[in-house]
């Protein structure tokens, strides 16, 4: 099947993003008091929870996308309208 069904699967990306995601969650759980102190300061520190949410979302989303691609679950390809 000369490449018709063969796709390059993102194993390395999945492993790296999974490790980063696990590290972020571990840090958040172990250093929860520190994170709460930073978030409670107010002022410019009000952006910290927003930035944290974006970082977690990006990393976890990248891992999840790669995970499903490795399993072979991809979005359905549609043809363009003529």
N, C-alpha and C. Protein backbone atom coordinates (compact mmCIF):
# COMPACT_ATOMS: atom_id res chain seq x y z
N UNK A 1 0.84 -1.17 0.00
CA UNK A 1 0.00 0.00 0.00
C UNK A 1 0.88 1.24 0.00
N UNK A 2 1.56 1.49 -1.00
CA UNK A 2 2.56 2.54 -1.15
C UNK A 2 2.16 3.90 -0.59
N UNK A 3 2.06 4.00 0.70
CA UNK A 3 1.82 5.29 1.33
C UNK A 3 0.39 5.78 1.30
N UNK A 4 -0.54 5.01 0.73
CA UNK A 4 -1.92 5.47 0.66
C UNK A 4 -2.49 5.60 2.06
N UNK A 5 -2.26 4.62 2.89
CA UNK A 5 -2.80 4.64 4.23
C UNK A 5 -1.72 4.89 5.29
N UNK A 6 -0.49 5.02 4.84
CA UNK A 6 0.59 5.23 5.78
C UNK A 6 0.76 6.71 6.05
N UNK A 7 0.73 7.07 7.31
CA UNK A 7 0.95 8.45 7.72
C UNK A 7 2.06 8.45 8.74
N UNK A 8 2.78 9.53 8.78
CA UNK A 8 3.80 9.67 9.80
C UNK A 8 3.10 10.01 11.11
N UNK A 9 3.28 9.18 12.07
CA UNK A 9 2.61 9.39 13.36
C UNK A 9 3.53 10.17 14.30
N UNK A 10 2.98 11.13 15.04
CA UNK A 10 3.80 12.02 15.87
C UNK A 10 4.14 11.44 17.25
N UNK A 11 4.89 10.34 17.26
CA UNK A 11 5.25 9.70 18.52
C UNK A 11 6.10 10.61 19.40
N UNK A 12 7.11 11.24 18.81
CA UNK A 12 8.03 12.08 19.58
C UNK A 12 7.30 13.28 20.16
N UNK A 13 6.46 13.94 19.34
CA UNK A 13 5.69 15.09 19.83
C UNK A 13 4.77 14.66 20.98
N UNK A 14 4.14 13.50 20.84
CA UNK A 14 3.24 13.02 21.88
C UNK A 14 4.00 12.80 23.19
N UNK A 15 5.17 12.19 23.10
CA UNK A 15 5.96 11.91 24.30
C UNK A 15 6.43 13.21 24.96
N UNK A 16 6.92 14.14 24.15
CA UNK A 16 7.43 15.40 24.70
C UNK A 16 6.29 16.22 25.33
N UNK A 17 5.20 16.38 24.60
CA UNK A 17 4.08 17.16 25.14
C UNK A 17 3.45 16.47 26.34
N UNK A 18 3.43 15.15 26.34
CA UNK A 18 2.91 14.42 27.49
C UNK A 18 3.79 14.61 28.71
N UNK A 19 5.10 14.60 28.52
CA UNK A 19 6.02 14.82 29.64
C UNK A 19 5.90 16.24 30.18
N UNK A 20 5.79 17.22 29.28
CA UNK A 20 5.63 18.61 29.73
C UNK A 20 4.30 18.77 30.47
N UNK A 21 3.25 18.18 29.93
CA UNK A 21 1.93 18.27 30.57
C UNK A 21 1.94 17.63 31.96
N UNK A 22 2.54 16.46 32.06
CA UNK A 22 2.63 15.79 33.36
C UNK A 22 3.46 16.62 34.34
N UNK A 23 4.53 17.23 33.84
CA UNK A 23 5.37 18.07 34.71
C UNK A 23 4.60 19.30 35.21
N UNK A 24 3.84 19.92 34.32
CA UNK A 24 3.05 21.09 34.72
C UNK A 24 2.01 20.73 35.79
N UNK A 25 1.30 19.63 35.56
CA UNK A 25 0.30 19.21 36.54
C UNK A 25 0.94 18.82 37.87
N UNK A 26 2.10 18.15 37.81
CA UNK A 26 2.80 17.77 39.03
C UNK A 26 3.24 19.01 39.80
N UNK A 27 3.81 19.99 39.09
CA UNK A 27 4.23 21.24 39.74
C UNK A 27 3.03 21.94 40.38
N UNK A 28 1.91 21.99 39.65
CA UNK A 28 0.72 22.66 40.17
C UNK A 28 0.20 21.97 41.43
N UNK A 29 0.23 20.66 41.45
CA UNK A 29 -0.26 19.92 42.62
C UNK A 29 0.69 20.03 43.81
N UNK A 30 2.00 19.99 43.54
CA UNK A 30 2.98 20.04 44.63
C UNK A 30 3.19 21.45 45.17
N UNK A 31 3.07 22.44 44.31
CA UNK A 31 3.32 23.83 44.70
C UNK A 31 2.05 24.67 44.64
N UNK A 32 0.93 24.08 44.99
CA UNK A 32 -0.36 24.76 44.94
C UNK A 32 -0.41 26.00 45.81
N UNK A 33 0.20 25.95 46.99
CA UNK A 33 0.21 27.11 47.89
C UNK A 33 0.94 28.29 47.25
N UNK A 34 2.06 28.02 46.61
CA UNK A 34 2.82 29.07 45.93
C UNK A 34 2.00 29.70 44.82
N UNK A 35 1.32 28.88 44.04
CA UNK A 35 0.50 29.38 42.94
C UNK A 35 -0.64 30.24 43.47
N UNK A 36 -1.26 29.82 44.55
CA UNK A 36 -2.34 30.60 45.15
C UNK A 36 -1.83 31.94 45.66
N UNK A 37 -0.66 31.96 46.26
CA UNK A 37 -0.08 33.21 46.76
C UNK A 37 0.18 34.19 45.61
N UNK A 38 0.71 33.70 44.52
CA UNK A 38 0.97 34.56 43.37
C UNK A 38 -0.34 35.10 42.80
N UNK A 39 -1.34 34.25 42.68
CA UNK A 39 -2.62 34.67 42.10
C UNK A 39 -3.35 35.66 43.00
N UNK A 40 -3.14 35.58 44.31
CA UNK A 40 -3.86 36.42 45.26
C UNK A 40 -3.26 37.82 45.41
N UNK A 41 -2.11 38.07 44.81
CA UNK A 41 -1.46 39.37 44.95
C UNK A 41 -2.23 40.49 44.27
N UNK A 42 -2.92 40.20 43.19
CA UNK A 42 -3.66 41.23 42.47
C UNK A 42 -2.74 42.06 41.59
N UNK A 43 -3.29 43.13 41.06
CA UNK A 43 -2.50 44.00 40.18
C UNK A 43 -2.07 43.27 38.92
N UNK A 44 -0.79 43.41 38.59
CA UNK A 44 -0.24 42.77 37.38
C UNK A 44 -0.30 41.26 37.50
N UNK A 45 -0.26 40.75 38.72
CA UNK A 45 -0.29 39.30 38.94
C UNK A 45 -1.64 38.68 38.57
N UNK A 46 -2.62 39.52 38.28
CA UNK A 46 -3.93 39.00 37.86
C UNK A 46 -3.83 38.28 36.51
N UNK A 47 -2.78 38.58 35.75
CA UNK A 47 -2.59 37.90 34.46
C UNK A 47 -2.01 36.50 34.63
N UNK A 48 -1.47 36.20 35.79
CA UNK A 48 -0.85 34.89 36.02
C UNK A 48 -1.83 33.73 35.83
N UNK A 49 -3.03 33.78 36.43
CA UNK A 49 -3.95 32.66 36.22
C UNK A 49 -4.37 32.52 34.76
N UNK A 50 -4.51 33.65 34.06
CA UNK A 50 -4.90 33.60 32.65
C UNK A 50 -3.78 32.98 31.82
N UNK A 51 -2.56 33.43 32.06
CA UNK A 51 -1.41 32.87 31.33
C UNK A 51 -1.23 31.39 31.64
N UNK A 52 -1.44 31.03 32.90
CA UNK A 52 -1.32 29.62 33.30
C UNK A 52 -2.35 28.77 32.56
N UNK A 53 -3.57 29.26 32.47
CA UNK A 53 -4.62 28.52 31.77
C UNK A 53 -4.27 28.35 30.29
N UNK A 54 -3.73 29.39 29.66
CA UNK A 54 -3.33 29.28 28.25
C UNK A 54 -2.21 28.28 28.06
N UNK A 55 -1.22 28.30 28.95
CA UNK A 55 -0.10 27.36 28.84
C UNK A 55 -0.59 25.92 29.00
N UNK A 56 -1.40 25.68 30.02
CA UNK A 56 -1.93 24.33 30.24
C UNK A 56 -2.78 23.89 29.06
N UNK A 57 -3.58 24.78 28.53
CA UNK A 57 -4.44 24.45 27.41
C UNK A 57 -3.63 24.10 26.16
N UNK A 58 -2.61 24.90 25.87
CA UNK A 58 -1.77 24.66 24.70
C UNK A 58 -1.03 23.33 24.80
N UNK A 59 -0.39 23.09 25.94
CA UNK A 59 0.42 21.89 26.11
C UNK A 59 -0.47 20.64 26.14
N UNK A 60 -1.55 20.69 26.91
CA UNK A 60 -2.43 19.53 27.00
C UNK A 60 -3.12 19.27 25.65
N UNK A 61 -3.50 20.34 24.95
CA UNK A 61 -4.12 20.19 23.63
C UNK A 61 -3.16 19.58 22.63
N UNK A 62 -1.90 20.00 22.68
CA UNK A 62 -0.89 19.43 21.79
C UNK A 62 -0.68 17.95 22.05
N UNK A 63 -0.65 17.59 23.33
CA UNK A 63 -0.51 16.18 23.69
C UNK A 63 -1.72 15.37 23.22
N UNK A 64 -2.92 15.89 23.48
CA UNK A 64 -4.13 15.17 23.12
C UNK A 64 -4.24 14.98 21.61
N UNK A 65 -3.91 16.02 20.85
CA UNK A 65 -3.95 15.93 19.39
C UNK A 65 -2.98 14.86 18.89
N UNK A 66 -1.77 14.87 19.41
CA UNK A 66 -0.77 13.88 19.01
C UNK A 66 -1.19 12.47 19.43
N UNK A 67 -1.75 12.36 20.62
CA UNK A 67 -2.20 11.07 21.13
C UNK A 67 -3.22 10.43 20.19
N UNK A 68 -4.24 11.22 19.79
CA UNK A 68 -5.26 10.67 18.89
C UNK A 68 -4.69 10.37 17.52
N UNK A 69 -3.75 11.19 17.05
CA UNK A 69 -3.11 10.91 15.76
C UNK A 69 -2.31 9.62 15.79
N UNK A 70 -1.63 9.38 16.90
CA UNK A 70 -0.87 8.13 17.04
C UNK A 70 -1.82 6.93 17.03
N UNK A 71 -2.98 7.09 17.62
CA UNK A 71 -3.96 6.00 17.62
C UNK A 71 -4.67 5.85 16.28
N UNK A 72 -4.49 6.83 15.38
CA UNK A 72 -5.10 6.75 14.07
C UNK A 72 -6.45 7.41 13.96
N UNK A 73 -6.84 8.17 14.96
CA UNK A 73 -8.12 8.87 14.94
C UNK A 73 -7.86 10.28 14.43
N UNK A 74 -8.34 10.59 13.24
CA UNK A 74 -8.15 11.89 12.63
C UNK A 74 -9.49 12.46 12.19
N UNK A 75 -9.52 13.77 11.97
CA UNK A 75 -10.72 14.42 11.49
C UNK A 75 -11.04 13.95 10.06
N UNK A 76 -12.30 13.91 9.75
CA UNK A 76 -12.72 13.50 8.42
C UNK A 76 -12.33 14.60 7.42
N UNK A 77 -11.72 14.19 6.34
CA UNK A 77 -11.32 15.12 5.29
C UNK A 77 -12.51 15.35 4.38
N UNK A 78 -12.85 16.62 4.14
CA UNK A 78 -13.97 16.93 3.24
C UNK A 78 -13.41 17.59 1.99
N UNK A 79 -14.13 17.40 0.90
CA UNK A 79 -13.73 18.02 -0.35
C UNK A 79 -14.28 19.44 -0.39
N UNK A 80 -13.53 20.33 -1.02
CA UNK A 80 -13.97 21.72 -1.14
C UNK A 80 -15.16 21.87 -2.06
N UNK A 81 -15.93 22.90 -1.86
CA UNK A 81 -17.09 23.17 -2.69
C UNK A 81 -16.63 23.82 -3.99
N UNK A 82 -17.15 23.33 -5.10
CA UNK A 82 -16.76 23.88 -6.42
C UNK A 82 -17.76 24.90 -6.89
